[in-house]
PDB file of N, CA and C in Angstrom:
ATOM      1  N   MET A   1     199.743 -68.774 127.415  1.00  0.00           N
ATOM      2  CA  MET A   1     199.545 -69.758 126.361  1.00  0.00           C
ATOM      3  C   MET A   1     198.060 -69.803 126.006  1.00  0.00           C
ATOM      4  N   GLY A   2     197.752 -69.863 124.744  1.00  0.00           N
ATOM      5  CA  GLY A   2     196.373 -69.849 124.272  1.00  0.00           C
ATOM      6  C   GLY A   2     195.668 -71.178 124.459  1.00  0.00           C
ATOM      7  N   HIS A   3     194.375 -71.156 124.322  1.00  0.00           N
ATOM      8  CA  HIS A   3     193.512 -72.325 124.432  1.00  0.00           C
ATOM      9  C   HIS A   3     193.557 -73.114 123.124  1.00  0.00           C
ATOM     10  N   ARG A   4     193.731 -74.434 123.193  1.00  0.00           N
ATOM     11  CA  ARG A   4     193.763 -75.295 122.002  1.00  0.00           C
ATOM     12  C   ARG A   4     192.332 -75.611 121.597  1.00  0.00           C
ATOM     13  N   LEU A   5     191.949 -75.142 120.433  1.00  0.00           N
ATOM     14  CA  LEU A   5     190.615 -75.369 119.906  1.00  0.00           C
ATOM     15  C   LEU A   5     190.608 -76.657 119.096  1.00  0.00           C
ATOM     16  N   ILE A   6     189.785 -77.617 119.488  1.00  0.00           N
ATOM     17  CA  ILE A   6     189.686 -78.870 118.753  1.00  0.00           C
ATOM     18  C   ILE A   6     188.548 -78.724 117.751  1.00  0.00           C
ATOM     19  N   MET A   7     188.915 -78.839 116.473  1.00  0.00           N
ATOM     20  CA  MET A   7     187.941 -78.619 115.424  1.00  0.00           C
ATOM     21  C   MET A   7     188.242 -79.573 114.269  1.00  0.00           C
ATOM     22  N   ASN A   8     187.198 -80.102 113.661  1.00  0.00           N
ATOM     23  CA  ASN A   8     187.317 -80.953 112.482  1.00  0.00           C
ATOM     24  C   ASN A   8     186.569 -80.317 111.335  1.00  0.00           C
ATOM     25  N   LYS A   9     186.902 -80.743 110.148  1.00  0.00           N
ATOM     26  CA  LYS A   9     186.175 -80.269 108.975  1.00  0.00           C
ATOM     27  C   LYS A   9     184.784 -80.891 108.957  1.00  0.00           C
ATOM     28  N   CYS A  10     183.847 -80.179 108.399  1.00  0.00           N
ATOM     29  CA  CYS A  10     182.497 -80.674 108.172  1.00  0.00           C
ATOM     30  C   CYS A  10     182.346 -80.870 106.665  1.00  0.00           C
ATOM     31  N   LYS A  11     181.854 -82.023 106.267  1.00  0.00           N
ATOM     32  CA  LYS A  11     181.628 -82.314 104.850  1.00  0.00           C
ATOM     33  C   LYS A  11     180.237 -81.816 104.467  1.00  0.00           C
ATOM     34  N   ILE A  12     180.161 -81.037 103.394  1.00  0.00           N
ATOM     35  CA  ILE A  12     178.889 -80.509 102.889  1.00  0.00           C
ATOM     36  C   ILE A  12     178.664 -81.111 101.509  1.00  0.00           C
ATOM     37  N   THR A  13     177.580 -81.852 101.352  1.00  0.00           N
ATOM     38  CA  THR A  13     177.241 -82.449 100.062  1.00  0.00           C
ATOM     39  C   THR A  13     175.934 -81.846  99.565  1.00  0.00           C
ATOM     40  N   VAL A  14     175.922 -81.415  98.312  1.00  0.00           N
ATOM     41  CA  VAL A  14     174.698 -80.905  97.698  1.00  0.00           C
ATOM     42  C   VAL A  14     173.852 -82.122  97.327  1.00  0.00           C
ATOM     43  N   LEU A  15     172.724 -82.295  98.021  1.00  0.00           N
ATOM     44  CA  LEU A  15     171.858 -83.446  97.772  1.00  0.00           C
ATOM     45  C   LEU A  15     170.872 -83.205  96.637  1.00  0.00           C
ATOM     46  N   LYS A  16     170.268 -82.014  96.639  1.00  0.00           N
ATOM     47  CA  LYS A  16     169.155 -81.794  95.717  1.00  0.00           C
ATOM     48  C   LYS A  16     168.961 -80.310  95.454  1.00  0.00           C
ATOM     49  N   ARG A  17     168.685 -79.972  94.217  1.00  0.00           N
ATOM     50  CA  ARG A  17     168.303 -78.606  93.839  1.00  0.00           C
ATOM     51  C   ARG A  17     166.822 -78.655  93.486  1.00  0.00           C
ATOM     52  N   CYS A  18     166.027 -77.918  94.206  1.00  0.00           N
ATOM     53  CA  CYS A  18     164.580 -77.947  94.026  1.00  0.00           C
ATOM     54  C   CYS A  18     164.100 -76.714  93.252  1.00  0.00           C
ATOM     55  N   PHE A  19     162.885 -76.814  92.741  1.00  0.00           N
ATOM     56  CA  PHE A  19     162.278 -75.677  92.074  1.00  0.00           C
ATOM     57  C   PHE A  19     160.783 -75.709  92.366  1.00  0.00           C
ATOM     58  N   GLU A  20     160.301 -74.708  93.067  1.00  0.00           N
ATOM     59  CA  GLU A  20     158.887 -74.609  93.435  1.00  0.00           C
ATOM     60  C   GLU A  20     158.156 -73.884  92.301  1.00  0.00           C
ATOM     61  N   GLU A  21     157.751 -74.654  91.301  1.00  0.00           N
ATOM     62  CA  GLU A  21     157.193 -74.097  90.071  1.00  0.00           C
ATOM     63  C   GLU A  21     155.971 -73.219  90.296  1.00  0.00           C
ATOM     64  N   ASP A  22     155.057 -73.653  91.160  1.00  0.00           N
ATOM     65  CA  ASP A  22     153.841 -72.863  91.397  1.00  0.00           C
ATOM     66  C   ASP A  22     154.177 -71.505  92.029  1.00  0.00           C
ATOM     67  N   LEU A  23     155.105 -71.499  92.980  1.00  0.00           N
ATOM     68  CA  LEU A  23     155.509 -70.245  93.600  1.00  0.00           C
ATOM     69  C   LEU A  23     156.307 -69.368  92.631  1.00  0.00           C
ATOM     70  N   ALA A  24     157.152 -70.006  91.828  1.00  0.00           N
ATOM     71  CA  ALA A  24     157.945 -69.256  90.848  1.00  0.00           C
ATOM     72  C   ALA A  24     157.038 -68.587  89.813  1.00  0.00           C
ATOM     73  N   LYS A  25     155.978 -69.277  89.399  1.00  0.00           N
ATOM     74  CA  LYS A  25     155.032 -68.676  88.443  1.00  0.00           C
ATOM     75  C   LYS A  25     154.357 -67.454  89.045  1.00  0.00           C
ATOM     76  N   GLN A  26     154.048 -67.538  90.321  1.00  0.00           N
ATOM     77  CA  GLN A  26     153.344 -66.451  90.988  1.00  0.00           C
ATOM     78  C   GLN A  26     154.268 -65.290  91.367  1.00  0.00           C
ATOM     79  N   TYR A  27     155.496 -65.603  91.812  1.00  0.00           N
ATOM     80  CA  TYR A  27     156.348 -64.566  92.381  1.00  0.00           C
ATOM     81  C   TYR A  27     157.683 -64.348  91.657  1.00  0.00           C
ATOM     82  N   GLY A  28     158.129 -65.315  90.891  1.00  0.00           N
ATOM     83  CA  GLY A  28     159.444 -65.234  90.273  1.00  0.00           C
ATOM     84  C   GLY A  28     159.462 -64.483  88.960  1.00  0.00           C
ATOM     85  N   VAL A  29     160.671 -64.117  88.555  1.00  0.00           N
ATOM     86  CA  VAL A  29     160.835 -63.458  87.259  1.00  0.00           C
ATOM     87  C   VAL A  29     160.676 -64.493  86.148  1.00  0.00           C
ATOM     88  N   GLU A  30     160.367 -64.027  84.971  1.00  0.00           N
ATOM     89  CA  GLU A  30     160.216 -64.893  83.802  1.00  0.00           C
ATOM     90  C   GLU A  30     161.518 -65.656  83.549  1.00  0.00           C
ATOM     91  N   GLY A  31     161.401 -66.954  83.309  1.00  0.00           N
ATOM     92  CA  GLY A  31     162.560 -67.771  82.976  1.00  0.00           C
ATOM     93  C   GLY A  31     163.359 -68.293  84.163  1.00  0.00           C
ATOM     94  N   LEU A  32     162.882 -68.056  85.386  1.00  0.00           N
ATOM     95  CA  LEU A  32     163.585 -68.547  86.573  1.00  0.00           C
ATOM     96  C   LEU A  32     163.646 -70.066  86.543  1.00  0.00           C
ATOM     97  N   LYS A  33     164.805 -70.625  86.891  1.00  0.00           N
ATOM     98  CA  LYS A  33     165.000 -72.078  86.918  1.00  0.00           C
ATOM     99  C   LYS A  33     165.681 -72.458  88.236  1.00  0.00           C
ATOM    100  N   LYS A  34     166.058 -73.729  88.361  1.00  0.00           N
ATOM    101  CA  LYS A  34     166.777 -74.190  89.551  1.00  0.00           C
ATOM    102  C   LYS A  34     168.034 -73.358  89.775  1.00  0.00           C
ATOM    103  N   CYS A  35     168.522 -73.358  91.006  1.00  0.00           N
ATOM    104  CA  CYS A  35     169.725 -72.615  91.371  1.00  0.00           C
ATOM    105  C   CYS A  35     170.871 -72.912  90.402  1.00  0.00           C
ATOM    106  N   PRO A  36     171.458 -71.864  89.827  1.00  0.00           N
ATOM    107  CA  PRO A  36     172.551 -72.068  88.879  1.00  0.00           C
ATOM    108  C   PRO A  36     173.936 -72.140  89.538  1.00  0.00           C
ATOM    109  N   MET A  37     174.008 -71.959  90.858  1.00  0.00           N
ATOM    110  CA  MET A  37     175.309 -71.850  91.524  1.00  0.00           C
ATOM    111  C   MET A  37     175.901 -73.187  91.962  1.00  0.00           C
ATOM    112  N   LEU A  38     175.050 -74.157  92.256  1.00  0.00           N
ATOM    113  CA  LEU A  38     175.523 -75.431  92.791  1.00  0.00           C
ATOM    114  C   LEU A  38     174.946 -76.582  91.984  1.00  0.00           C
ATOM    115  N   LYS A  39     175.592 -77.762  92.081  1.00  0.00           N
ATOM    116  CA  LYS A  39     175.136 -78.953  91.371  1.00  0.00           C
ATOM    117  C   LYS A  39     174.998 -80.110  92.354  1.00  0.00           C
ATOM    118  N   GLU A  40     174.028 -80.991  92.103  1.00  0.00           N
ATOM    119  CA  GLU A  40     173.892 -82.187  92.929  1.00  0.00           C
ATOM    120  C   GLU A  40     175.201 -82.965  92.912  1.00  0.00           C
ATOM    121  N   GLY A  41     175.589 -83.453  94.088  1.00  0.00           N
ATOM    122  CA  GLY A  41     176.800 -84.248  94.206  1.00  0.00           C
ATOM    123  C   GLY A  41     178.052 -83.445  94.533  1.00  0.00           C
ATOM    124  N   GLN A  42     178.001 -82.136  94.405  1.00  0.00           N
ATOM    125  CA  GLN A  42     179.160 -81.326  94.771  1.00  0.00           C
ATOM    126  C   GLN A  42     179.469 -81.508  96.247  1.00  0.00           C
ATOM    127  N   VAL A  43     180.750 -81.513  96.582  1.00  0.00           N
ATOM    128  CA  VAL A  43     181.186 -81.685  97.966  1.00  0.00           C
ATOM    129  C   VAL A  43     182.117 -80.541  98.337  1.00  0.00           C
ATOM    130  N   PHE A  44     181.893 -80.007  99.527  1.00  0.00           N
ATOM    131  CA  PHE A  44     182.722 -78.949 100.086  1.00  0.00           C
ATOM    132  C   PHE A  44     183.115 -79.363 101.497  1.00  0.00           C
ATOM    133  N   TYR A  45     184.224 -78.816 102.003  1.00  0.00           N
ATOM    134  CA  TYR A  45     184.628 -79.041 103.384  1.00  0.00           C
ATOM    135  C   TYR A  45     184.772 -77.679 104.052  1.00  0.00           C
ATOM    136  N   ALA A  46     184.243 -77.563 105.270  1.00  0.00           N
ATOM    137  CA  ALA A  46     184.266 -76.278 105.958  1.00  0.00           C
ATOM    138  C   ALA A  46     184.417 -76.485 107.453  1.00  0.00           C
ATOM    139  N   ASP A  47     184.733 -75.386 108.148  1.00  0.00           N
ATOM    140  CA  ASP A  47     184.811 -75.387 109.605  1.00  0.00           C
ATOM    141  C   ASP A  47     184.206 -74.083 110.114  1.00  0.00           C
ATOM    142  N   TYR A  48     185.016 -73.044 110.223  1.00  0.00           N
ATOM    143  CA  TYR A  48     184.511 -71.758 110.704  1.00  0.00           C
ATOM    144  C   TYR A  48     184.323 -70.745 109.583  1.00  0.00           C
ATOM    145  N   SER A  49     184.754 -71.079 108.372  1.00  0.00           N
ATOM    146  CA  SER A  49     184.607 -70.123 107.281  1.00  0.00           C
ATOM    147  C   SER A  49     184.052 -70.791 106.027  1.00  0.00           C
ATOM    148  N   LYS A  50     183.433 -69.997 105.199  1.00  0.00           N
ATOM    149  CA  LYS A  50     182.781 -70.465 103.974  1.00  0.00           C
ATOM    150  C   LYS A  50     183.814 -71.062 103.030  1.00  0.00           C
ATOM    151  N   PRO A  51     183.530 -72.260 102.505  1.00  0.00           N
ATOM    152  CA  PRO A  51     184.473 -72.844 101.551  1.00  0.00           C
ATOM    153  C   PRO A  51     184.463 -72.089 100.217  1.00  0.00           C
ATOM    154  N   GLU A  52     185.582 -72.097  99.553  1.00  0.00           N
ATOM    155  CA  GLU A  52     185.709 -71.416  98.272  1.00  0.00           C
ATOM    156  C   GLU A  52     184.714 -72.002  97.261  1.00  0.00           C
ATOM    157  N   GLY A  53     184.022 -71.126  96.548  1.00  0.00           N
ATOM    158  CA  GLY A  53     183.072 -71.552  95.530  1.00  0.00           C
ATOM    159  C   GLY A  53     181.684 -71.852  96.047  1.00  0.00           C
ATOM    160  N   PHE A  54     181.484 -71.716  97.353  1.00  0.00           N
ATOM    161  CA  PHE A  54     180.178 -71.999  97.947  1.00  0.00           C
ATOM    162  C   PHE A  54     179.324 -70.734  97.918  1.00  0.00           C
ATOM    163  N   CYS A  55     178.041 -70.887  97.720  1.00  0.00           N
ATOM    164  CA  CYS A  55     177.109 -69.761  97.645  1.00  0.00           C
ATOM    165  C   CYS A  55     177.047 -68.996  98.969  1.00  0.00           C
ATOM    166  N   ASP A  56     177.188 -67.667  98.899  1.00  0.00           N
ATOM    167  CA  ASP A  56     177.140 -66.828 100.101  1.00  0.00           C
ATOM    168  C   ASP A  56     175.820 -66.964 100.846  1.00  0.00           C
ATOM    169  N   GLU A  57     174.713 -66.944 100.130  1.00  0.00           N
ATOM    170  CA  GLU A  57     173.393 -67.018 100.769  1.00  0.00           C
ATOM    171  C   GLU A  57     173.151 -68.383 101.396  1.00  0.00           C
ATOM    172  N   ALA A  58     173.576 -69.440 100.740  1.00  0.00           N
ATOM    173  CA  ALA A  58     173.430 -70.782 101.318  1.00  0.00           C
ATOM    174  C   ALA A  58     174.279 -70.900 102.583  1.00  0.00           C
ATOM    175  N   TRP A  59     175.485 -70.321 102.549  1.00  0.00           N
ATOM    176  CA  TRP A  59     176.354 -70.364 103.722  1.00  0.00           C
ATOM    177  C   TRP A  59     175.683 -69.696 104.914  1.00  0.00           C
ATOM    178  N   LYS A  60     175.038 -68.558 104.689  1.00  0.00           N
ATOM    179  CA  LYS A  60     174.347 -67.852 105.775  1.00  0.00           C
ATOM    180  C   LYS A  60     173.266 -68.729 106.401  1.00  0.00           C
ATOM    181  N   ALA A  61     172.650 -69.586 105.601  1.00  0.00           N
ATOM    182  CA  ALA A  61     171.565 -70.436 106.094  1.00  0.00           C
ATOM    183  C   ALA A  61     172.067 -71.668 106.847  1.00  0.00           C
ATOM    184  N   ILE A  62     173.276 -72.162 106.537  1.00  0.00           N
ATOM    185  CA  ILE A  62     173.724 -73.426 107.138  1.00  0.00           C
ATOM    186  C   ILE A  62     174.936 -73.311 108.054  1.00  0.00           C
ATOM    187  N   TYR A  63     175.588 -72.147 108.102  1.00  0.00           N
ATOM    188  CA  TYR A  63     176.877 -72.083 108.802  1.00  0.00           C
ATOM    189  C   TYR A  63     176.802 -72.477 110.267  1.00  0.00           C
ATOM    190  N   GLN A  64     175.688 -72.188 110.950  1.00  0.00           N
ATOM    191  CA  GLN A  64     175.623 -72.529 112.369  1.00  0.00           C
ATOM    192  C   GLN A  64     175.633 -74.042 112.590  1.00  0.00           C
ATOM    193  N   TYR A  65     175.069 -74.803 111.662  1.00  0.00           N
ATOM    194  CA  TYR A  65     175.112 -76.265 111.761  1.00  0.00           C
ATOM    195  C   TYR A  65     176.513 -76.775 111.449  1.00  0.00           C
ATOM    196  N   VAL A  66     177.155 -76.194 110.433  1.00  0.00           N
ATOM    197  CA  VAL A  66     178.533 -76.555 110.098  1.00  0.00           C
ATOM    198  C   VAL A  66     179.440 -76.281 111.299  1.00  0.00           C
ATOM    199  N   PHE A  67     179.309 -75.116 111.884  1.00  0.00           N
ATOM    200  CA  PHE A  67     180.126 -74.719 113.032  1.00  0.00           C
ATOM    201  C   PHE A  67     179.937 -75.697 114.189  1.00  0.00           C
ATOM    202  N   ALA A  68     178.698 -76.068 114.469  1.00  0.00           N
ATOM    203  CA  ALA A  68     178.417 -77.007 115.564  1.00  0.00           C
ATOM    204  C   ALA A  68     179.034 -78.372 115.287  1.00  0.00           C
ATOM    205  N   LEU A  69     178.875 -78.887 114.075  1.00  0.00           N
ATOM    206  CA  LEU A  69     179.454 -80.190 113.743  1.00  0.00           C
ATOM    207  C   LEU A  69     180.982 -80.139 113.760  1.00  0.00           C
ATOM    208  N   ALA A  70     181.562 -79.057 113.271  1.00  0.00           N
ATOM    209  CA  ALA A  70     183.018 -78.918 113.270  1.00  0.00           C
ATOM    210  C   ALA A  70     183.581 -78.876 114.686  1.00  0.00           C
ATOM    211  N   HIS A  71     182.773 -78.410 115.633  1.00  0.00           N
ATOM    212  CA  HIS A  71     183.202 -78.328 117.029  1.00  0.00           C
ATOM    213  C   HIS A  71     182.671 -79.479 117.881  1.00  0.00           C
ATOM    214  N   ASN A  72     182.275 -80.554 117.212  1.00  0.00           N
ATOM    215  CA  ASN A  72     181.872 -81.795 117.885  1.00  0.00           C
ATOM    216  C   ASN A  72     180.665 -81.635 118.800  1.00  0.00           C
ATOM    217  N   CYS A  73     179.737 -80.771 118.425  1.00  0.00           N
ATOM    218  CA  CYS A  73     178.520 -80.562 119.218  1.00  0.00           C
ATOM    219  C   CYS A  73     177.346 -81.349 118.654  1.00  0.00           C
ATOM    220  N   ASP A  74     177.621 -82.427 117.958  1.00  0.00           N
ATOM    221  CA  ASP A  74     176.576 -83.160 117.256  1.00  0.00           C
ATOM    222  C   ASP A  74     175.555 -83.842 118.165  1.00  0.00           C
ATOM    223  N   GLU A  75     175.898 -84.107 119.408  1.00  0.00           N
ATOM    224  CA  GLU A  75     174.920 -84.726 120.306  1.00  0.00           C
ATOM    225  C   GLU A  75     173.993 -83.700 120.934  1.00  0.00           C
ATOM    226  N   LEU A  76     174.354 -82.432 120.843  1.00  0.00           N
ATOM    227  CA  LEU A  76     173.558 -81.396 121.489  1.00  0.00           C
ATOM    228  C   LEU A  76     172.362 -80.946 120.660  1.00  0.00           C
ATOM    229  N   PHE A  77     172.340 -81.284 119.398  1.00  0.00           N
ATOM    230  CA  PHE A  77     171.215 -80.829 118.585  1.00  0.00           C
ATOM    231  C   PHE A  77     170.699 -81.929 117.658  1.00  0.00           C
ATOM    232  N   TYR A  78     169.439 -82.164 117.708  1.00  0.00           N
ATOM    233  CA  TYR A  78     168.665 -82.887 116.700  1.00  0.00           C
ATOM    234  C   TYR A  78     168.896 -84.381 116.552  1.00  0.00           C
ATOM    235  N   PHE A  79     169.947 -84.954 117.141  1.00  0.00           N
ATOM    236  CA  PHE A  79     170.162 -86.391 117.030  1.00  0.00           C
ATOM    237  C   PHE A  79     169.025 -87.128 117.723  1.00  0.00           C
ATOM    238  N   LYS A  80     168.362 -87.989 117.011  1.00  0.00           N
ATOM    239  CA  LYS A  80     167.216 -88.799 117.435  1.00  0.00           C
ATOM    240  C   LYS A  80     165.937 -87.979 117.621  1.00  0.00           C
ATOM    241  N   ASP A  81     166.014 -86.671 117.431  1.00  0.00           N
ATOM    242  CA  ASP A  81     164.824 -85.830 117.505  1.00  0.00           C
ATOM    243  C   ASP A  81     164.451 -85.352 116.101  1.00  0.00           C
ATOM    244  N   TRP A  82     165.429 -85.334 115.226  1.00  0.00           N
ATOM    245  CA  TRP A  82     165.247 -84.825 113.869  1.00  0.00           C
ATOM    246  C   TRP A  82     165.938 -85.763 112.883  1.00  0.00           C
ATOM    247  N   ILE A  83     167.190 -86.114 113.184  1.00  0.00           N
ATOM    248  CA  ILE A  83     168.019 -86.935 112.305  1.00  0.00           C
ATOM    249  C   ILE A  83     168.369 -88.229 113.036  1.00  0.00           C
ATOM    250  N   LYS A  84     168.303 -89.359 112.314  1.00  0.00           N
ATOM    251  CA  LYS A  84     168.561 -90.644 112.957  1.00  0.00           C
ATOM    252  C   LYS A  84     170.037 -91.021 113.042  1.00  0.00           C
ATOM    253  N   THR A  85     170.905 -90.278 112.346  1.00  0.00           N
ATOM    254  CA  THR A  85     172.329 -90.588 112.340  1.00  0.00           C
ATOM    255  C   THR A  85     173.113 -89.500 113.067  1.00  0.00           C
ATOM    256  N   LYS A  86     173.861 -89.897 114.066  1.00  0.00           N
ATOM    257  CA  LYS A  86     174.683 -88.943 114.822  1.00  0.00           C
ATOM    258  C   LYS A  86     175.709 -88.301 113.894  1.00  0.00           C
ATOM    259  N   GLY A  87     175.913 -86.995 114.055  1.00  0.00           N
ATOM    260  CA  GLY A  87     176.906 -86.292 113.267  1.00  0.00           C
ATOM    261  C   GLY A  87     176.451 -85.869 111.888  1.00  0.00           C
ATOM    262  N   VAL A  88     175.137 -85.910 111.639  1.00  0.00           N
ATOM    263  CA  VAL A  88     174.582 -85.549 110.332  1.00  0.00           C
ATOM    264  C   VAL A  88     173.478 -84.519 110.526  1.00  0.00           C
ATOM    265  N   ALA A  89     173.393 -83.583 109.595  1.00  0.00           N
ATOM    266  CA  ALA A  89     172.277 -82.634 109.551  1.00  0.00           C
ATOM    267  C   ALA A  89     171.862 -82.476 108.092  1.00  0.00           C
ATOM    268  N   ILE A  90     170.571 -82.350 107.867  1.00  0.00           N
ATOM    269  CA  ILE A  90     170.040 -82.075 106.530  1.00  0.00           C
ATOM    270  C   ILE A  90     169.444 -80.681 106.587  1.00  0.00           C
ATOM    271  N   CYS A  91     169.981 -79.778 105.756  1.00  0.00           N
ATOM    272  CA  CYS A  91     169.603 -78.367 105.787  1.00  0.00           C
ATOM    273  C   CYS A  91     169.366 -77.873 104.369  1.00  0.00           C
ATOM    274  N   SER A  92     168.792 -76.693 104.270  1.00  0.00           N
ATOM    275  CA  SER A  92     168.614 -76.100 102.949  1.00  0.00           C
ATOM    276  C   SER A  92     168.945 -74.620 103.003  1.00  0.00           C
ATOM    277  N   CYS A  93     169.176 -74.069 101.824  1.00  0.00           N
ATOM    278  CA  CYS A  93     169.367 -72.627 101.744  1.00  0.00           C
ATOM    279  C   CYS A  93     168.002 -71.975 101.918  1.00  0.00           C
ATOM    280  N   ASN A  94     167.959 -70.665 101.980  1.00  0.00           N
ATOM    281  CA  ASN A  94     166.694 -69.995 102.262  1.00  0.00           C
ATOM    282  C   ASN A  94     166.041 -69.368 101.030  1.00  0.00           C
ATOM    283  N   ASP A  95     166.354 -69.873  99.845  1.00  0.00           N
ATOM    284  CA  ASP A  95     165.680 -69.425  98.626  1.00  0.00           C
ATOM    285  C   ASP A  95     164.344 -70.159  98.547  1.00  0.00           C
ATOM    286  N   GLY A  96     163.257 -69.436  98.743  1.00  0.00           N
ATOM    287  CA  GLY A  96     161.939 -70.056  98.779  1.00  0.00           C
ATOM    288  C   GLY A  96     161.425 -70.542  97.440  1.00  0.00           C
ATOM    289  N   LEU A  97     161.997 -70.075  96.357  1.00  0.00           N
ATOM    290  CA  LEU A  97     161.553 -70.489  95.027  1.00  0.00           C
ATOM    291  C   LEU A  97     162.398 -71.624  94.466  1.00  0.00           C
ATOM    292  N   ARG A  98     163.666 -71.665  94.825  1.00  0.00           N
ATOM    293  CA  ARG A  98     164.575 -72.689  94.294  1.00  0.00           C
ATOM    294  C   ARG A  98     165.592 -73.124  95.343  1.00  0.00           C
ATOM    295  N   PRO A  99     165.113 -73.728  96.442  1.00  0.00           N
ATOM    296  CA  PRO A  99     166.016 -74.125  97.522  1.00  0.00           C
ATOM    297  C   PRO A  99     166.962 -75.258  97.124  1.00  0.00           C
ATOM    298  N   VAL A 100     168.124 -75.249  97.750  1.00  0.00           N
ATOM    299  CA  VAL A 100     169.114 -76.312  97.590  1.00  0.00           C
ATOM    300  C   VAL A 100     169.214 -77.021  98.937  1.00  0.00           C
ATOM    301  N   ILE A 101     169.196 -78.346  98.899  1.00  0.00           N
ATOM    302  CA  ILE A 101     169.238 -79.147 100.124  1.00  0.00           C
ATOM    303  C   ILE A 101     170.631 -79.762 100.278  1.00  0.00           C
ATOM    304  N   PHE A 102     171.161 -79.669 101.499  1.00  0.00           N
ATOM    305  CA  PHE A 102     172.518 -80.109 101.803  1.00  0.00           C
ATOM    306  C   PHE A 102     172.527 -81.187 102.875  1.00  0.00           C
ATOM    307  N   LYS A 103     173.486 -82.089 102.772  1.00  0.00           N
ATOM    308  CA  LYS A 103     173.787 -83.040 103.838  1.00  0.00           C
ATOM    309  C   LYS A 103     175.082 -82.565 104.473  1.00  0.00           C
ATOM    310  N   LEU A 104     175.061 -82.328 105.773  1.00  0.00           N
ATOM    311  CA  LEU A 104     176.241 -81.915 106.520  1.00  0.00           C
ATOM    312  C   LEU A 104     176.687 -83.095 107.374  1.00  0.00           C
ATOM    313  N   GLU A 105     177.981 -83.395 107.352  1.00  0.00           N
ATOM    314  CA  GLU A 105     178.496 -84.533 108.104  1.00  0.00           C
ATOM    315  C   GLU A 105     179.763 -84.165 108.874  1.00  0.00           C
ATOM    316  N   LYS A 106     179.787 -84.567 110.112  1.00  0.00           N
ATOM    317  CA  LYS A 106     180.992 -84.446 110.930  1.00  0.00           C
ATOM    318  C   LYS A 106     182.036 -85.394 110.345  1.00  0.00           C
ATOM    319  N   THR A 107     183.301 -84.949 110.296  1.00  0.00           N
ATOM    320  CA  THR A 107     184.375 -85.821 109.822  1.00  0.00           C
ATOM    321  C   THR A 107     185.475 -85.902 110.876  1.00  0.00           C
ATOM    322  N   ASP A 108     186.465 -86.733 110.603  1.00  0.00           N
ATOM    323  CA  ASP A 108     187.648 -86.838 111.462  1.00  0.00           C
ATOM    324  C   ASP A 108     188.826 -86.064 110.870  1.00  0.00           C
ATOM    325  N   ILE A 109     188.547 -85.260 109.851  1.00  0.00           N
ATOM    326  CA  ILE A 109     189.605 -84.481 109.202  1.00  0.00           C
ATOM    327  C   ILE A 109     189.931 -83.273 110.080  1.00  0.00           C
ATOM    328  N   ASP A 110     191.159 -83.201 110.556  1.00  0.00           N
ATOM    329  CA  ASP A 110     191.578 -82.083 111.407  1.00  0.00           C
ATOM    330  C   ASP A 110     191.449 -80.759 110.679  1.00  0.00           C
ATOM    331  N   SER A 111     191.011 -79.770 111.410  1.00  0.00           N
ATOM    332  CA  SER A 111     190.944 -78.412 110.890  1.00  0.00           C
ATOM    333  C   SER A 111     191.885 -77.561 111.714  1.00  0.00           C
ATOM    334  N   LYS A 112     192.582 -76.692 111.050  1.00  0.00           N
ATOM    335  CA  LYS A 112     193.524 -75.825 111.751  1.00  0.00           C
ATOM    336  C   LYS A 112     193.162 -74.373 111.482  1.00  0.00           C
ATOM    337  N   ILE A 113     193.248 -73.566 112.492  1.00  0.00           N
ATOM    338  CA  ILE A 113     193.002 -72.140 112.325  1.00  0.00           C
ATOM    339  C   ILE A 113     194.131 -71.586 111.455  1.00  0.00           C
ATOM    340  N   ASP A 114     193.777 -70.929 110.357  1.00  0.00           N
ATOM    341  CA  ASP A 114     194.790 -70.445 109.424  1.00  0.00           C
ATOM    342  C   ASP A 114     195.102 -68.960 109.611  1.00  0.00           C
ATOM    343  N   TYR A 115     194.987 -68.524 110.844  1.00  0.00           N
ATOM    344  CA  TYR A 115     195.413 -67.167 111.185  1.00  0.00           C
ATOM    345  C   TYR A 115     195.973 -67.222 112.610  1.00  0.00           C
ATOM    346  N   THR A 116     196.713 -66.212 112.997  1.00  0.00           N
ATOM    347  CA  THR A 116     197.281 -66.162 114.339  1.00  0.00           C
ATOM    348  C   THR A 116     196.345 -65.354 115.231  1.00  0.00           C
ATOM    349  N   PRO A 117     195.727 -66.019 116.217  1.00  0.00           N
ATOM    350  CA  PRO A 117     194.830 -65.288 117.115  1.00  0.00           C
ATOM    351  C   PRO A 117     195.570 -64.204 117.904  1.00  0.00           C
ATOM    352  N   ASN A 118     194.905 -63.128 118.151  1.00  0.00           N
ATOM    353  CA  ASN A 118     195.459 -62.029 118.947  1.00  0.00           C
ATOM    354  C   ASN A 118     195.486 -62.482 120.400  1.00  0.00           C
ATOM    355  N   GLU A 119     196.621 -62.427 121.045  1.00  0.00           N
ATOM    356  CA  GLU A 119     196.772 -62.930 122.419  1.00  0.00           C
ATOM    357  C   GLU A 119     196.729 -61.850 123.492  1.00  0.00           C
ATOM    358  N   ASP A 120     196.304 -60.628 123.174  1.00  0.00           N
ATOM    359  CA  ASP A 120     196.315 -59.580 124.212  1.00  0.00           C
ATOM    360  C   ASP A 120     195.042 -59.488 125.010  1.00  0.00           C
TER     361      ASP A 120
END
């Protein structure tokens, strides 16, 4: 019999889309603006895989925090050392010219593995 993995969804909210104008003038292409892929206020739910419609590059930057929160590891990282609220992380994508800032929150929404694990 396999191991029961307890996992909840993590809520991802787009808080802010930034634009580093001075850096963009120096290093960016002409006409570069804020990230066109996401909008402030957008909400996604995730666990071990990228939610549909979410930016691939942003996912690469935040997935480890999402994974930790989905697996209830919120006390093991940053609580009271970085963030004042348990079960919350504030992260950003790694675009240095136009970063997007996210609020990640642990939820009580059950997550289920949507594939059959190999038992051999």
